[in-house]
Amino acid sequence: MRASMIALILSHSAGAVSPVAALAIEIRRNSAGEAVMTRAEIRTYNAGLPREHPGYIRCKRTQKTGSLVGKAVICRTNAEWRRVEDGANEGARDMIEAINTSTATRSD
């Protein structure tokens, strides 16, 4: 079933159906609501997409907080990585603006 859905997604990736939207319908979710795919499923999904495509899935390995050896692998689409990056940048800009505003208020 999963293989046929992935094939369907890949066959429609150039058409009207967004691969990201179609993928969101098919993929399994864990108890936290996060998408769960095997590496093979990700490779199959990515096979028909260019690396720059918003629906292309990239995985990053990060250090688990509080662990010297623990690693976590986080996989998201390019669009999701962009959204996370934009949110972090917006938060940093807001923080700098708040600092500048409070500094200017104190010196007046």
C-alpha atoms as a PDB file:
ATOM      1  CA  MET A   1       0.000   0.000   0.000  1.00  0.00           C
ATOM      2  CA  ARG A   2       2.747   2.463   0.984  1.00  0.00           C
ATOM      3  CA  ALA A   3       4.783   1.725  -2.127  1.00  0.00           C
ATOM      4  CA  SER A   4       1.769   2.313  -4.348  1.00  0.00           C
ATOM      5  CA  MET A   5       1.013   5.635  -2.601  1.00  0.00           C
ATOM      6  CA  ILE A   6       4.631   6.759  -2.970  1.00  0.00           C
ATOM      7  CA  ALA A   7       4.526   5.791  -6.655  1.00  0.00           C
ATOM      8  CA  LEU A   8       1.288   7.761  -7.006  1.00  0.00           C
ATOM      9  CA  ILE A   9       2.897  10.763  -5.328  1.00  0.00           C
ATOM     10  CA  LEU A  10       5.931  10.577  -7.600  1.00  0.00           C
ATOM     11  CA  SER A  11       3.809  10.219 -10.720  1.00  0.00           C
ATOM     12  CA  HIS A  12       1.799  13.316  -9.798  1.00  0.00           C
ATOM     13  CA  SER A  13       4.726  15.436  -8.581  1.00  0.00           C
ATOM     14  CA  ALA A  14       4.768  17.449 -11.790  1.00  0.00           C
ATOM     15  CA  GLY A  15       0.966  17.712 -11.945  1.00  0.00           C
ATOM     16  CA  ALA A  16      -1.652  19.565  -9.952  1.00  0.00           C
ATOM     17  CA  VAL A  17      -1.204  17.464  -6.804  1.00  0.00           C
ATOM     18  CA  SER A  18       1.543  18.821  -4.575  1.00  0.00           C
ATOM     19  CA  PRO A  19       3.909  16.047  -3.447  1.00  0.00           C
ATOM     20  CA  VAL A  20       4.010  17.635   0.012  1.00  0.00           C
ATOM     21  CA  ALA A  21       0.216  17.626   0.313  1.00  0.00           C
ATOM     22  CA  ALA A  22      -0.058  14.073  -1.009  1.00  0.00           C
ATOM     23  CA  LEU A  23       2.702  12.904   1.315  1.00  0.00           C
ATOM     24  CA  ALA A  24       0.968  14.423   4.339  1.00  0.00           C
ATOM     25  CA  ILE A  25      -2.063  12.230   3.616  1.00  0.00           C
ATOM     26  CA  GLU A  26      -0.123   8.958   3.325  1.00  0.00           C
ATOM     27  CA  ILE A  27       2.629   9.008   5.939  1.00  0.00           C
ATOM     28  CA  ARG A  28       2.344   7.392   9.342  1.00  0.00           C
ATOM     29  CA  ARG A  29       2.418   9.607  12.429  1.00  0.00           C
ATOM     30  CA  ASN A  30       3.770   8.877  15.902  1.00  0.00           C
ATOM     31  CA  SER A  31       2.013   9.728  19.170  1.00  0.00           C
ATOM     32  CA  ALA A  32       3.337  13.310  18.981  1.00  0.00           C
ATOM     33  CA  GLY A  33       1.839  13.717  15.514  1.00  0.00           C
ATOM     34  CA  GLU A  34       5.225  13.776  13.802  1.00  0.00           C
ATOM     35  CA  ALA A  35       5.648  12.116  10.417  1.00  0.00           C
ATOM     36  CA  VAL A  36       7.384   8.736  10.441  1.00  0.00           C
ATOM     37  CA  MET A  37       9.093   7.346   7.329  1.00  0.00           C
ATOM     38  CA  THR A  38      11.896   4.852   6.835  1.00  0.00           C
ATOM     39  CA  ARG A  39      15.069   5.876   5.018  1.00  0.00           C
ATOM     40  CA  ALA A  40      14.010   3.709   2.070  1.00  0.00           C
ATOM     41  CA  GLU A  41      10.645   5.507   1.876  1.00  0.00           C
ATOM     42  CA  ILE A  42      12.398   8.889   1.967  1.00  0.00           C
ATOM     43  CA  ARG A  43      14.826   7.819  -0.792  1.00  0.00           C
ATOM     44  CA  THR A  44      11.926   6.559  -2.913  1.00  0.00           C
ATOM     45  CA  TYR A  45       9.976   9.768  -2.363  1.00  0.00           C
ATOM     46  CA  ASN A  46      12.992  11.973  -3.181  1.00  0.00           C
ATOM     47  CA  ALA A  47      13.918   9.976  -6.308  1.00  0.00           C
ATOM     48  CA  GLY A  48      11.721  12.064  -8.606  1.00  0.00           C
ATOM     49  CA  LEU A  49      12.432  15.459  -7.069  1.00  0.00           C
ATOM     50  CA  PRO A  50      15.315  17.905  -7.549  1.00  0.00           C
ATOM     51  CA  ARG A  51      17.190  18.759  -4.322  1.00  0.00           C
ATOM     52  CA  GLU A  52      15.882  22.351  -4.448  1.00  0.00           C
ATOM     53  CA  HIS A  53      12.197  21.304  -4.622  1.00  0.00           C
ATOM     54  CA  PRO A  54      10.125  22.490  -1.609  1.00  0.00           C
ATOM     55  CA  GLY A  55       8.865  18.923  -1.099  1.00  0.00           C
ATOM     56  CA  TYR A  56      12.334  17.288  -1.120  1.00  0.00           C
ATOM     57  CA  ILE A  57      13.006  15.673   2.274  1.00  0.00           C
ATOM     58  CA  ARG A  58      16.348  16.400   3.949  1.00  0.00           C
ATOM     59  CA  CYS A  59      17.545  14.789   7.163  1.00  0.00           C
ATOM     60  CA  LYS A  60      19.945  16.380   9.637  1.00  0.00           C
ATOM     61  CA  ARG A  61      21.737  14.657  12.488  1.00  0.00           C
ATOM     62  CA  THR A  62      21.893  16.687  15.697  1.00  0.00           C
ATOM     63  CA  GLN A  63      23.315  16.167  19.162  1.00  0.00           C
ATOM     64  CA  LYS A  64      20.682  15.306  21.768  1.00  0.00           C
ATOM     65  CA  THR A  65      20.563  17.883  24.531  1.00  0.00           C
ATOM     66  CA  GLY A  66      22.176  16.614  27.724  1.00  0.00           C
ATOM     67  CA  SER A  67      23.872  13.644  26.086  1.00  0.00           C
ATOM     68  CA  LEU A  68      27.513  13.188  25.127  1.00  0.00           C
ATOM     69  CA  VAL A  69      26.826  10.409  22.636  1.00  0.00           C
ATOM     70  CA  GLY A  70      23.126  10.601  21.769  1.00  0.00           C
ATOM     71  CA  LYS A  71      22.182  11.736  18.293  1.00  0.00           C
ATOM     72  CA  ALA A  72      18.795  12.615  16.863  1.00  0.00           C
ATOM     73  CA  VAL A  73      17.926  12.550  13.172  1.00  0.00           C
ATOM     74  CA  ILE A  74      15.381  15.156  12.097  1.00  0.00           C
ATOM     75  CA  CYS A  75      13.830  14.878   8.648  1.00  0.00           C
ATOM     76  CA  ARG A  76      11.772  17.667   7.107  1.00  0.00           C
ATOM     77  CA  THR A  77      10.914  18.933   3.665  1.00  0.00           C
ATOM     78  CA  ASN A  78      12.833  21.924   2.298  1.00  0.00           C
ATOM     79  CA  ALA A  79       9.684  24.010   2.860  1.00  0.00           C
ATOM     80  CA  GLU A  80       9.525  22.932   6.520  1.00  0.00           C
ATOM     81  CA  TRP A  81      13.254  23.643   7.051  1.00  0.00           C
ATOM     82  CA  ARG A  82      12.719  27.098   5.498  1.00  0.00           C
ATOM     83  CA  ARG A  83       9.738  27.760   7.812  1.00  0.00           C
ATOM     84  CA  VAL A  84      11.783  26.740  10.894  1.00  0.00           C
ATOM     85  CA  GLU A  85      14.712  28.916   9.776  1.00  0.00           C
ATOM     86  CA  ASP A  86      12.452  31.898   9.085  1.00  0.00           C
ATOM     87  CA  GLY A  87      10.808  31.517  12.516  1.00  0.00           C
ATOM     88  CA  ALA A  88      14.187  31.411  14.253  1.00  0.00           C
ATOM     89  CA  ASN A  89      15.383  34.474  12.341  1.00  0.00           C
ATOM     90  CA  GLU A  90      12.196  36.355  13.198  1.00  0.00           C
ATOM     91  CA  GLY A  91      12.618  35.487  16.868  1.00  0.00           C
ATOM     92  CA  ALA A  92      16.219  36.712  16.828  1.00  0.00           C
ATOM     93  CA  ARG A  93      15.197  39.981  15.133  1.00  0.00           C
ATOM     94  CA  ASP A  94      12.428  40.521  17.698  1.00  0.00           C
ATOM     95  CA  MET A  95      14.862  39.923  20.553  1.00  0.00           C
ATOM     96  CA  ILE A  96      17.434  42.378  19.163  1.00  0.00           C
ATOM     97  CA  GLU A  97      14.706  44.966  18.587  1.00  0.00           C
ATOM     98  CA  ALA A  98      13.479  44.528  22.177  1.00  0.00           C
ATOM     99  CA  ILE A  99      17.022  44.949  23.513  1.00  0.00           C
ATOM    100  CA  ASN A 100      17.597  48.061  21.397  1.00  0.00           C
ATOM    101  CA  THR A 101      14.253  49.527  22.478  1.00  0.00           C
ATOM    102  CA  SER A 102      14.906  48.929  26.192  1.00  0.00           C
ATOM    103  CA  THR A 103      18.443  50.325  25.920  1.00  0.00           C
ATOM    104  CA  ALA A 104      17.223  53.476  24.154  1.00  0.00           C
ATOM    105  CA  THR A 105      14.488  53.964  26.784  1.00  0.00           C
ATOM    106  CA  ARG A 106      16.952  53.702  29.695  1.00  0.00           C
ATOM    107  CA  SER A 107      19.439  56.179  28.267  1.00  0.00           C
ATOM    108  CA  ASP A 108      16.767  58.859  27.609  1.00  0.00           C
END
